All heavy atoms as atom14 arrays in JSON, in Angstrom:
{
  "sequence": "LAALLVAGLDPVESLVSFAAIGAASVERF",
  "atom14_mask": [
    [1, 1, 1, 1, 1, 1, 1, 1, 0, 0, 0, 0, 0, 0],
    [1, 1, 1, 1, 1, 0, 0, 0, 0, 0, 0, 0, 0, 0],
    [1, 1, 1, 1, 1, 0, 0, 0, 0, 0, 0, 0, 0, 0],
    [1, 1, 1, 1, 1, 1, 1, 1, 0, 0, 0, 0, 0, 0],
    [1, 1, 1, 1, 1, 1, 1, 1, 0, 0, 0, 0, 0, 0],
    [1, 1, 1, 1, 1, 1, 1, 0, 0, 0, 0, 0, 0, 0],
    [1, 1, 1, 1, 1, 0, 0, 0, 0, 0, 0, 0, 0, 0],
    [1, 1, 1, 1, 0, 0, 0, 0, 0, 0, 0, 0, 0, 0],
    [1, 1, 1, 1, 1, 1, 1, 1, 0, 0, 0, 0, 0, 0],
    [1, 1, 1, 1, 1, 1, 1, 1, 0, 0, 0, 0, 0, 0],
    [1, 1, 1, 1, 1, 1, 1, 0, 0, 0, 0, 0, 0, 0],
    [1, 1, 1, 1, 1, 1, 1, 0, 0, 0, 0, 0, 0, 0],
    [1, 1, 1, 1, 1, 1, 1, 1, 1, 0, 0, 0, 0, 0],
    [1, 1, 1, 1, 1, 1, 0, 0, 0, 0, 0, 0, 0, 0],
    [1, 1, 1, 1, 1, 1, 1, 1, 0, 0, 0, 0, 0, 0],
    [1, 1, 1, 1, 1, 1, 1, 0, 0, 0, 0, 0, 0, 0],
    [1, 1, 1, 1, 1, 1, 0, 0, 0, 0, 0, 0, 0, 0],
    [1, 1, 1, 1, 1, 1, 1, 1, 1, 1, 1, 0, 0, 0],
    [1, 1, 1, 1, 1, 0, 0, 0, 0, 0, 0, 0, 0, 0],
    [1, 1, 1, 1, 1, 0, 0, 0, 0, 0, 0, 0, 0, 0],
    [1, 1, 1, 1, 1, 1, 1, 1, 0, 0, 0, 0, 0, 0],
    [1, 1, 1, 1, 0, 0, 0, 0, 0, 0, 0, 0, 0, 0],
    [1, 1, 1, 1, 1, 0, 0, 0, 0, 0, 0, 0, 0, 0],
    [1, 1, 1, 1, 1, 0, 0, 0, 0, 0, 0, 0, 0, 0],
    [1, 1, 1, 1, 1, 1, 0, 0, 0, 0, 0, 0, 0, 0],
    [1, 1, 1, 1, 1, 1, 1, 0, 0, 0, 0, 0, 0, 0],
    [1, 1, 1, 1, 1, 1, 1, 1, 1, 0, 0, 0, 0, 0],
    [1, 1, 1, 1, 1, 1, 1, 1, 1, 1, 1, 0, 0, 0],
    [1, 1, 1, 1, 1, 1, 1, 1, 1, 1, 1, 0, 0, 0]
  ],
  "atom14_positions": [
    [[-95.02, 197.93, -4.02], [-95.03, 197.85, -2.56], [-93.93, 196.94, -2.05], [-93.3, 197.22, -1.02], [-96.4, 197.35, -2.07], [-97.61, 198.17, -2.51], [-98.85, 197.72, -1.76], [-97.39, 199.66, -2.34], [0.0, 0.0, 0.0], [0.0, 0.0, 0.0], [0.0, 0.0, 0.0], [0.0, 0.0, 0.0], [0.0, 0.0, 0.0], [0.0, 0.0, 0.0]],
    [[-93.67, 195.86, -2.77], [-92.55, 194.99, -2.38], [-91.23, 195.75, -2.48], [-90.36, 195.61, -1.61], [-92.52, 193.76, -3.28], [0.0, 0.0, 0.0], [0.0, 0.0, 0.0], [0.0, 0.0, 0.0], [0.0, 0.0, 0.0], [0.0, 0.0, 0.0], [0.0, 0.0, 0.0], [0.0, 0.0, 0.0], [0.0, 0.0, 0.0], [0.0, 0.0, 0.0]],
    [[-91.08, 196.55, -3.52], [-89.85, 197.34, -3.68], [-89.69, 198.35, -2.55], [-88.59, 198.58, -2.06], [-89.84, 198.04, -5.04], [0.0, 0.0, 0.0], [0.0, 0.0, 0.0], [0.0, 0.0, 0.0], [0.0, 0.0, 0.0], [0.0, 0.0, 0.0], [0.0, 0.0, 0.0], [0.0, 0.0, 0.0], [0.0, 0.0, 0.0], [0.0, 0.0, 0.0]],
    [[-90.79, 198.96, -2.13], [-90.73, 199.9, -1.01], [-90.34, 199.19, 0.28], [-89.55, 199.72, 1.08], [-92.09, 200.6, -0.84], [-92.49, 201.58, -1.93], [-93.95, 201.97, -1.79], [-91.6, 202.82, -1.9], [0.0, 0.0, 0.0], [0.0, 0.0, 0.0], [0.0, 0.0, 0.0], [0.0, 0.0, 0.0], [0.0, 0.0, 0.0], [0.0, 0.0, 0.0]],
    [[-90.87, 198.0, 0.49], [-90.53, 197.24, 1.7], [-89.05, 196.89, 1.72], [-88.38, 197.01, 2.74], [-91.39, 195.98, 1.78], [-92.86, 196.17, 2.16], [-93.64, 194.89, 1.91], [-92.99, 196.59, 3.61], [0.0, 0.0, 0.0], [0.0, 0.0, 0.0], [0.0, 0.0, 0.0], [0.0, 0.0, 0.0], [0.0, 0.0, 0.0], [0.0, 0.0, 0.0]],
    [[-88.55, 196.44, 0.57], [-87.12, 196.09, 0.48], [-86.26, 197.32, 0.75], [-85.19, 197.22, 1.36], [-86.81, 195.49, -0.9], [-85.3, 195.38, -1.13], [-87.46, 194.12, -1.05], [0.0, 0.0, 0.0], [0.0, 0.0, 0.0], [0.0, 0.0, 0.0], [0.0, 0.0, 0.0], [0.0, 0.0, 0.0], [0.0, 0.0, 0.0], [0.0, 0.0, 0.0]],
    [[-86.73, 198.5, 0.32], [-85.98, 199.73, 0.53], [-86.11, 200.25, 1.96], [-85.46, 201.24, 2.32], [-86.47, 200.81, -0.44], [0.0, 0.0, 0.0], [0.0, 0.0, 0.0], [0.0, 0.0, 0.0], [0.0, 0.0, 0.0], [0.0, 0.0, 0.0], [0.0, 0.0, 0.0], [0.0, 0.0, 0.0], [0.0, 0.0, 0.0], [0.0, 0.0, 0.0]],
    [[-86.94, 199.61, 2.77], [-87.11, 200.03, 4.16], [-87.94, 201.28, 4.32], [-87.74, 202.04, 5.28], [0.0, 0.0, 0.0], [0.0, 0.0, 0.0], [0.0, 0.0, 0.0], [0.0, 0.0, 0.0], [0.0, 0.0, 0.0], [0.0, 0.0, 0.0], [0.0, 0.0, 0.0], [0.0, 0.0, 0.0], [0.0, 0.0, 0.0], [0.0, 0.0, 0.0]],
    [[-88.9, 201.5, 3.4], [-89.76, 202.67, 3.46], [-91.16, 202.24, 3.89], [-91.84, 201.5, 3.17], [-89.82, 203.37, 2.1], [-88.5, 203.96, 1.6], [-88.63, 204.41, 0.15], [-88.06, 205.13, 2.49], [0.0, 0.0, 0.0], [0.0, 0.0, 0.0], [0.0, 0.0, 0.0], [0.0, 0.0, 0.0], [0.0, 0.0, 0.0], [0.0, 0.0, 0.0]],
    [[-91.57, 202.71, 5.07], [-92.91, 202.37, 5.53], [-93.94, 203.21, 4.77], [-93.57, 204.05, 3.94], [-93.01, 202.53, 7.06], [-92.95, 203.97, 7.55], [-93.28, 204.91, 6.79], [-92.57, 204.18, 8.72], [0.0, 0.0, 0.0], [0.0, 0.0, 0.0], [0.0, 0.0, 0.0], [0.0, 0.0, 0.0], [0.0, 0.0, 0.0], [0.0, 0.0, 0.0]],
    [[-95.25, 202.98, 4.99], [-96.24, 203.67, 4.17], [-96.11, 205.19, 4.12], [-96.16, 205.79, 3.04], [-97.56, 203.24, 4.82], [-97.29, 201.87, 5.32], [-95.87, 201.93, 5.83], [0.0, 0.0, 0.0], [0.0, 0.0, 0.0], [0.0, 0.0, 0.0], [0.0, 0.0, 0.0], [0.0, 0.0, 0.0], [0.0, 0.0, 0.0], [0.0, 0.0, 0.0]],
    [[-95.94, 205.84, 5.27], [-95.85, 207.3, 5.23], [-94.49, 207.76, 4.74], [-94.37, 208.75, 4.02], [-96.23, 207.91, 6.6], [-95.25, 207.54, 7.68], [-96.39, 209.43, 6.5], [0.0, 0.0, 0.0], [0.0, 0.0, 0.0], [0.0, 0.0, 0.0], [0.0, 0.0, 0.0], [0.0, 0.0, 0.0], [0.0, 0.0, 0.0], [0.0, 0.0, 0.0]],
    [[-93.43, 207.03, 5.07], [-92.1, 207.36, 4.56], [-92.05, 207.26, 3.04], [-91.35, 208.03, 2.38], [-91.05, 206.42, 5.16], [-90.78, 206.66, 6.63], [-89.93, 205.55, 7.24], [-89.62, 204.57, 6.54], [-89.6, 205.68, 8.44], [0.0, 0.0, 0.0], [0.0, 0.0, 0.0], [0.0, 0.0, 0.0], [0.0, 0.0, 0.0], [0.0, 0.0, 0.0]],
    [[-92.81, 206.32, 2.49], [-92.81, 206.18, 1.03], [-93.37, 207.44, 0.38], [-92.88, 207.87, -0.68], [-93.62, 204.95, 0.62], [-95.02, 205.13, 0.83], [0.0, 0.0, 0.0], [0.0, 0.0, 0.0], [0.0, 0.0, 0.0], [0.0, 0.0, 0.0], [0.0, 0.0, 0.0], [0.0, 0.0, 0.0], [0.0, 0.0, 0.0], [0.0, 0.0, 0.0]],
    [[-94.36, 208.06, 1.01], [-94.93, 209.29, 0.46], [-94.01, 210.48, 0.68], [-93.8, 211.3, -0.22], [-96.29, 209.57, 1.11], [-97.38, 208.51, 0.91], [-98.68, 208.98, 1.55], [-97.6, 208.21, -0.56], [0.0, 0.0, 0.0], [0.0, 0.0, 0.0], [0.0, 0.0, 0.0], [0.0, 0.0, 0.0], [0.0, 0.0, 0.0], [0.0, 0.0, 0.0]],
    [[-93.47, 210.61, 1.88], [-92.58, 211.73, 2.18], [-91.37, 211.7, 1.25], [-90.95, 212.73, 0.7], [-92.14, 211.7, 3.65], [-91.12, 212.8, 3.93], [-93.36, 211.87, 4.58], [0.0, 0.0, 0.0], [0.0, 0.0, 0.0], [0.0, 0.0, 0.0], [0.0, 0.0, 0.0], [0.0, 0.0, 0.0], [0.0, 0.0, 0.0], [0.0, 0.0, 0.0]],
    [[-90.79, 210.53, 1.06], [-89.6, 210.42, 0.2], [-89.93, 210.68, -1.26], [-89.12, 211.21, -2.01], [-88.96, 209.03, 0.36], [-89.83, 208.0, -0.07], [0.0, 0.0, 0.0], [0.0, 0.0, 0.0], [0.0, 0.0, 0.0], [0.0, 0.0, 0.0], [0.0, 0.0, 0.0], [0.0, 0.0, 0.0], [0.0, 0.0, 0.0], [0.0, 0.0, 0.0]],
    [[-91.15, 210.32, -1.68], [-91.56, 210.56, -3.07], [-91.81, 212.05, -3.3], [-91.43, 212.61, -4.33], [-92.81, 209.74, -3.38], [-92.92, 209.27, -4.8], [-91.81, 209.1, -5.6], [-94.16, 208.97, -5.34], [-91.92, 208.66, -6.91], [-94.29, 208.52, -6.64], [-93.17, 208.36, -7.44], [0.0, 0.0, 0.0], [0.0, 0.0, 0.0], [0.0, 0.0, 0.0]],
    [[-92.45, 212.69, -2.32], [-92.66, 214.14, -2.42], [-91.32, 214.86, -2.44], [-91.16, 215.89, -3.13], [-93.5, 214.63, -1.25], [0.0, 0.0, 0.0], [0.0, 0.0, 0.0], [0.0, 0.0, 0.0], [0.0, 0.0, 0.0], [0.0, 0.0, 0.0], [0.0, 0.0, 0.0], [0.0, 0.0, 0.0], [0.0, 0.0, 0.0], [0.0, 0.0, 0.0]],
    [[-90.34, 214.32, -1.74], [-89.03, 214.98, -1.61], [-88.25, 215.0, -2.92], [-87.34, 215.81, -3.08], [-88.21, 214.28, -0.53], [0.0, 0.0, 0.0], [0.0, 0.0, 0.0], [0.0, 0.0, 0.0], [0.0, 0.0, 0.0], [0.0, 0.0, 0.0], [0.0, 0.0, 0.0], [0.0, 0.0, 0.0], [0.0, 0.0, 0.0], [0.0, 0.0, 0.0]],
    [[-88.6, 214.12, -3.87], [-87.94, 214.16, -5.18], [-88.79, 214.9, -6.21], [-88.45, 214.93, -7.39], [-87.59, 212.75, -5.69], [-88.85, 211.94, -5.99], [-86.68, 212.03, -4.71], [-88.57, 210.66, -6.77], [0.0, 0.0, 0.0], [0.0, 0.0, 0.0], [0.0, 0.0, 0.0], [0.0, 0.0, 0.0], [0.0, 0.0, 0.0], [0.0, 0.0, 0.0]],
    [[-89.9, 215.49, -5.76], [-90.73, 216.29, -6.66], [-91.72, 215.49, -7.47], [-92.22, 215.99, -8.49], [0.0, 0.0, 0.0], [0.0, 0.0, 0.0], [0.0, 0.0, 0.0], [0.0, 0.0, 0.0], [0.0, 0.0, 0.0], [0.0, 0.0, 0.0], [0.0, 0.0, 0.0], [0.0, 0.0, 0.0], [0.0, 0.0, 0.0], [0.0, 0.0, 0.0]],
    [[-92.04, 214.26, -7.05], [-93.0, 213.45, -7.8], [-94.39, 214.08, -7.82], [-95.14, 213.94, -8.78], [-93.07, 212.04, -7.22], [0.0, 0.0, 0.0], [0.0, 0.0, 0.0], [0.0, 0.0, 0.0], [0.0, 0.0, 0.0], [0.0, 0.0, 0.0], [0.0, 0.0, 0.0], [0.0, 0.0, 0.0], [0.0, 0.0, 0.0], [0.0, 0.0, 0.0]],
    [[-94.73, 214.76, -6.74], [-95.98, 215.52, -6.64], [-95.85, 216.42, -5.42], [-94.92, 216.29, -4.62], [-97.2, 214.6, -6.51], [0.0, 0.0, 0.0], [0.0, 0.0, 0.0], [0.0, 0.0, 0.0], [0.0, 0.0, 0.0], [0.0, 0.0, 0.0], [0.0, 0.0, 0.0], [0.0, 0.0, 0.0], [0.0, 0.0, 0.0], [0.0, 0.0, 0.0]],
    [[-96.79, 217.33, -5.28], [-96.73, 218.27, -4.17], [-97.04, 217.58, -2.85], [-97.74, 216.55, -2.81], [-97.73, 219.41, -4.39], [-99.06, 218.91, -4.36], [0.0, 0.0, 0.0], [0.0, 0.0, 0.0], [0.0, 0.0, 0.0], [0.0, 0.0, 0.0], [0.0, 0.0, 0.0], [0.0, 0.0, 0.0], [0.0, 0.0, 0.0], [0.0, 0.0, 0.0]],
    [[-96.53, 218.14, -1.78], [-96.83, 217.62, -0.45], [-98.34, 217.62, -0.22], [-98.91, 216.67, 0.35], [-96.11, 218.44, 0.64], [-96.6, 218.05, 2.03], [-94.6, 218.25, 0.53], [0.0, 0.0, 0.0], [0.0, 0.0, 0.0], [0.0, 0.0, 0.0], [0.0, 0.0, 0.0], [0.0, 0.0, 0.0], [0.0, 0.0, 0.0], [0.0, 0.0, 0.0]],
    [[-99.02, 218.67, -0.68], [-100.47, 218.77, -0.48], [-101.19, 217.6, -1.15], [-102.17, 217.07, -0.6], [-100.99, 220.09, -1.05], [-100.56, 221.33, -0.27], [-99.1, 221.7, -0.51], [-98.52, 221.27, -1.54], [-98.53, 222.41, 0.35], [0.0, 0.0, 0.0], [0.0, 0.0, 0.0], [0.0, 0.0, 0.0], [0.0, 0.0, 0.0], [0.0, 0.0, 0.0]],
    [[-100.73, 217.19, -2.31], [-101.35, 216.06, -3.0], [-101.17, 214.78, -2.18], [-102.09, 213.99, -2.01], [-100.74, 215.9, -4.39], [-101.22, 214.68, -5.16], [-102.7, 214.71, -5.47], [-103.05, 215.82, -6.36], [-104.28, 216.03, -6.83], [-105.27, 215.24, -6.46], [-104.53, 217.05, -7.62], [0.0, 0.0, 0.0], [0.0, 0.0, 0.0], [0.0, 0.0, 0.0]],
    [[-99.97, 214.56, -1.65], [-99.73, 213.36, -0.86], [-100.49, 213.39, 0.46], [-100.85, 212.35, 1.0], [-98.23, 213.18, -0.61], [-97.48, 212.71, -1.83], [-96.58, 213.55, -2.46], [-97.67, 211.44, -2.32], [-95.87, 213.1, -3.58], [-96.98, 210.98, -3.44], [-96.07, 211.83, -4.06], [0.0, 0.0, 0.0], [0.0, 0.0, 0.0], [0.0, 0.0, 0.0]]
  ]
}
């Protein structure tokens, strides 16, 4: 979570950006 904050990714952005690299399906997030 600290790494996400440093990267400037808020809670929902952290999920959208993770789904965007194929970490899991959008439906899962």
